[in-house]
């Protein structure tokens, strides 16, 4: 799923995956306890493991940086994806209707 996301929305991969990995790593490390149990999604496990011993700048993570050009491209890609899914659904309904018609009339 990460590969699909990065192919369709490359600029979303950083905030949705990498920055969240860093933030969750920072938060987990800040807990003062002998043992820590963190329940995270499978897509974040490797990132947390890779970042565990890294120096993380929390202030930098909290700043929002936006690139309007990437946002416009993401919206276009999202519309394309939704249209493709809509076409697939309509095609599936059409095939189902044809099968039903054939079944009842032949």
C-alpha atoms as a PDB file:
ATOM      1  CA  UNK A   1       0.000   0.000   0.000  1.00  0.00           C
ATOM      2  CA  UNK A   2       2.880   2.361   0.730  1.00  0.00           C
ATOM      3  CA  UNK A   3       4.234   1.835  -2.787  1.00  0.00           C
ATOM      4  CA  UNK A   4       0.803   2.530  -4.299  1.00  0.00           C
ATOM      5  CA  UNK A   5       0.455   5.666  -2.205  1.00  0.00           C
ATOM      6  CA  UNK A   6       3.906   6.899  -3.152  1.00  0.00           C
ATOM      7  CA  UNK A   7       3.213   6.289  -6.848  1.00  0.00           C
ATOM      8  CA  UNK A   8      -0.111   8.144  -6.852  1.00  0.00           C
ATOM      9  CA  UNK A   9       0.632  10.844  -4.245  1.00  0.00           C
ATOM     10  CA  UNK A  10       4.416  11.191  -3.942  1.00  0.00           C
ATOM     11  CA  UNK A  11       4.256  14.427  -1.951  1.00  0.00           C
ATOM     12  CA  UNK A  12       1.899  12.870   0.600  1.00  0.00           C
ATOM     13  CA  UNK A  13       4.322  10.085   1.486  1.00  0.00           C
ATOM     14  CA  UNK A  14       6.533  12.398   3.561  1.00  0.00           C
ATOM     15  CA  UNK A  15       3.843  13.851   5.838  1.00  0.00           C
ATOM     16  CA  UNK A  16       1.709  10.730   6.064  1.00  0.00           C
ATOM     17  CA  UNK A  17       4.470   8.212   6.607  1.00  0.00           C
ATOM     18  CA  UNK A  18       7.959   9.566   7.223  1.00  0.00           C
ATOM     19  CA  UNK A  19       7.031  12.551   9.384  1.00  0.00           C
ATOM     20  CA  UNK A  20       4.570  10.439  11.356  1.00  0.00           C
ATOM     21  CA  UNK A  21       7.311   7.842  11.885  1.00  0.00           C
ATOM     22  CA  UNK A  22       9.550  10.556  13.293  1.00  0.00           C
ATOM     23  CA  UNK A  23       6.800  12.014  15.470  1.00  0.00           C
ATOM     24  CA  UNK A  24       5.752   8.628  16.876  1.00  0.00           C
ATOM     25  CA  UNK A  25       9.403   7.730  17.506  1.00  0.00           C
ATOM     26  CA  UNK A  26       9.909  10.999  19.367  1.00  0.00           C
ATOM     27  CA  UNK A  27       6.754  10.495  21.438  1.00  0.00           C
ATOM     28  CA  UNK A  28       7.558   6.867  22.299  1.00  0.00           C
ATOM     29  CA  UNK A  29      11.112   7.771  23.311  1.00  0.00           C
ATOM     30  CA  UNK A  30       9.880  10.589  25.534  1.00  0.00           C
ATOM     31  CA  UNK A  31       7.934   8.165  27.755  1.00  0.00           C
ATOM     32  CA  UNK A  32       9.763   7.619  31.040  1.00  0.00           C
ATOM     33  CA  UNK A  33       9.251   3.904  31.700  1.00  0.00           C
ATOM     34  CA  UNK A  34      11.249   0.683  31.810  1.00  0.00           C
ATOM     35  CA  UNK A  35       9.155  -0.944  29.112  1.00  0.00           C
ATOM     36  CA  UNK A  36       7.112   0.719  26.409  1.00  0.00           C
ATOM     37  CA  UNK A  37       4.457  -0.891  24.242  1.00  0.00           C
ATOM     38  CA  UNK A  38       3.393   1.068  21.199  1.00  0.00           C
ATOM     39  CA  UNK A  39       0.611  -0.079  18.899  1.00  0.00           C
ATOM     40  CA  UNK A  40       1.289   1.324  15.440  1.00  0.00           C
ATOM     41  CA  UNK A  41       0.342   0.439  11.905  1.00  0.00           C
ATOM     42  CA  UNK A  42       2.545  -2.014  10.046  1.00  0.00           C
ATOM     43  CA  UNK A  43       3.656   0.712   7.639  1.00  0.00           C
ATOM     44  CA  UNK A  44       5.242   2.646  10.503  1.00  0.00           C
ATOM     45  CA  UNK A  45       7.189  -0.139  12.241  1.00  0.00           C
ATOM     46  CA  UNK A  46      10.266  -0.018  10.014  1.00  0.00           C
ATOM     47  CA  UNK A  47      10.399   3.778  10.102  1.00  0.00           C
ATOM     48  CA  UNK A  48      10.197   3.841  13.893  1.00  0.00           C
ATOM     49  CA  UNK A  49      12.917   1.202  14.144  1.00  0.00           C
ATOM     50  CA  UNK A  50      15.152   3.127  11.726  1.00  0.00           C
ATOM     51  CA  UNK A  51      14.616   6.425  13.565  1.00  0.00           C
ATOM     52  CA  UNK A  52      14.859   5.123  17.144  1.00  0.00           C
ATOM     53  CA  UNK A  53      18.474   6.212  17.685  1.00  0.00           C
ATOM     54  CA  UNK A  54      18.314   9.310  15.449  1.00  0.00           C
ATOM     55  CA  UNK A  55      18.292  12.878  16.725  1.00  0.00           C
ATOM     56  CA  UNK A  56      14.769  14.165  16.025  1.00  0.00           C
ATOM     57  CA  UNK A  57      13.953  17.879  15.856  1.00  0.00           C
ATOM     58  CA  UNK A  58      10.391  18.015  17.163  1.00  0.00           C
ATOM     59  CA  UNK A  59      10.045  21.731  16.415  1.00  0.00           C
ATOM     60  CA  UNK A  60      10.836  21.117  12.752  1.00  0.00           C
ATOM     61  CA  UNK A  61       8.239  18.356  12.646  1.00  0.00           C
ATOM     62  CA  UNK A  62       5.603  20.662  14.057  1.00  0.00           C
ATOM     63  CA  UNK A  63       6.076  23.239  11.284  1.00  0.00           C
ATOM     64  CA  UNK A  64       3.733  22.829   8.344  1.00  0.00           C
ATOM     65  CA  UNK A  65       5.322  23.216   4.957  1.00  0.00           C
ATOM     66  CA  UNK A  66       3.100  23.184   1.928  1.00  0.00           C
ATOM     67  CA  UNK A  67       3.902  23.173  -1.734  1.00  0.00           C
ATOM     68  CA  UNK A  68       0.840  24.440  -3.675  1.00  0.00           C
ATOM     69  CA  UNK A  69       2.047  22.871  -6.909  1.00  0.00           C
ATOM     70  CA  UNK A  70       2.245  19.436  -5.272  1.00  0.00           C
ATOM     71  CA  UNK A  71      -1.176  19.957  -3.719  1.00  0.00           C
ATOM     72  CA  UNK A  72      -2.684  20.744  -7.117  1.00  0.00           C
ATOM     73  CA  UNK A  73      -1.050  17.667  -8.637  1.00  0.00           C
ATOM     74  CA  UNK A  74      -2.325  15.557  -5.724  1.00  0.00           C
ATOM     75  CA  UNK A  75      -5.863  16.798  -6.309  1.00  0.00           C
ATOM     76  CA  UNK A  76      -5.588  15.977 -10.008  1.00  0.00           C
ATOM     77  CA  UNK A  77      -4.243  12.501  -9.190  1.00  0.00           C
ATOM     78  CA  UNK A  78      -7.023  11.953  -6.663  1.00  0.00           C
ATOM     79  CA  UNK A  79      -9.665  12.909  -9.227  1.00  0.00           C
ATOM     80  CA  UNK A  80      -8.089  10.523 -11.745  1.00  0.00           C
ATOM     81  CA  UNK A  81      -8.072   7.725  -9.190  1.00  0.00           C
ATOM     82  CA  UNK A  82     -11.693   8.341  -8.221  1.00  0.00           C
ATOM     83  CA  UNK A  83     -12.768   8.439 -11.864  1.00  0.00           C
ATOM     84  CA  UNK A  84     -10.953   5.187 -12.535  1.00  0.00           C
ATOM     85  CA  UNK A  85     -12.648   3.524  -9.562  1.00  0.00           C
ATOM     86  CA  UNK A  86     -16.013   4.903 -10.665  1.00  0.00           C
ATOM     87  CA  UNK A  87     -15.503   3.500 -14.172  1.00  0.00           C
ATOM     88  CA  UNK A  88     -14.532   0.102 -12.768  1.00  0.00           C
ATOM     89  CA  UNK A  89     -17.649   0.063 -10.570  1.00  0.00           C
ATOM     90  CA  UNK A  90     -19.896   1.041 -13.473  1.00  0.00           C
ATOM     91  CA  UNK A  91     -18.296  -1.602 -15.688  1.00  0.00           C
ATOM     92  CA  UNK A  92     -18.820  -4.226 -12.969  1.00  0.00           C
ATOM     93  CA  UNK A  93     -22.485  -3.253 -12.655  1.00  0.00           C
ATOM     94  CA  UNK A  94     -22.891  -3.442 -16.417  1.00  0.00           C
ATOM     95  CA  UNK A  95     -21.368  -6.934 -16.520  1.00  0.00           C
ATOM     96  CA  UNK A  96     -23.609  -8.025 -13.642  1.00  0.00           C
ATOM     97  CA  UNK A  97     -26.691  -6.686 -15.436  1.00  0.00           C
ATOM     98  CA  UNK A  98     -25.735  -8.540 -18.627  1.00  0.00           C
ATOM     99  CA  UNK A  99     -25.284 -11.774 -16.679  1.00  0.00           C
ATOM    100  CA  UNK A 100     -28.688 -11.323 -15.009  1.00  0.00           C
ATOM    101  CA  UNK A 101     -30.384 -10.594 -18.337  1.00  0.00           C
ATOM    102  CA  UNK A 102     -28.779 -13.637 -19.954  1.00  0.00           C
ATOM    103  CA  UNK A 103     -29.751 -15.820 -16.985  1.00  0.00           C
ATOM    104  CA  UNK A 104     -33.427 -14.762 -16.980  1.00  0.00           C
ATOM    105  CA  UNK A 105     -34.081 -14.534 -20.689  1.00  0.00           C
ATOM    106  CA  UNK A 106     -32.101 -17.442 -22.112  1.00  0.00           C
END
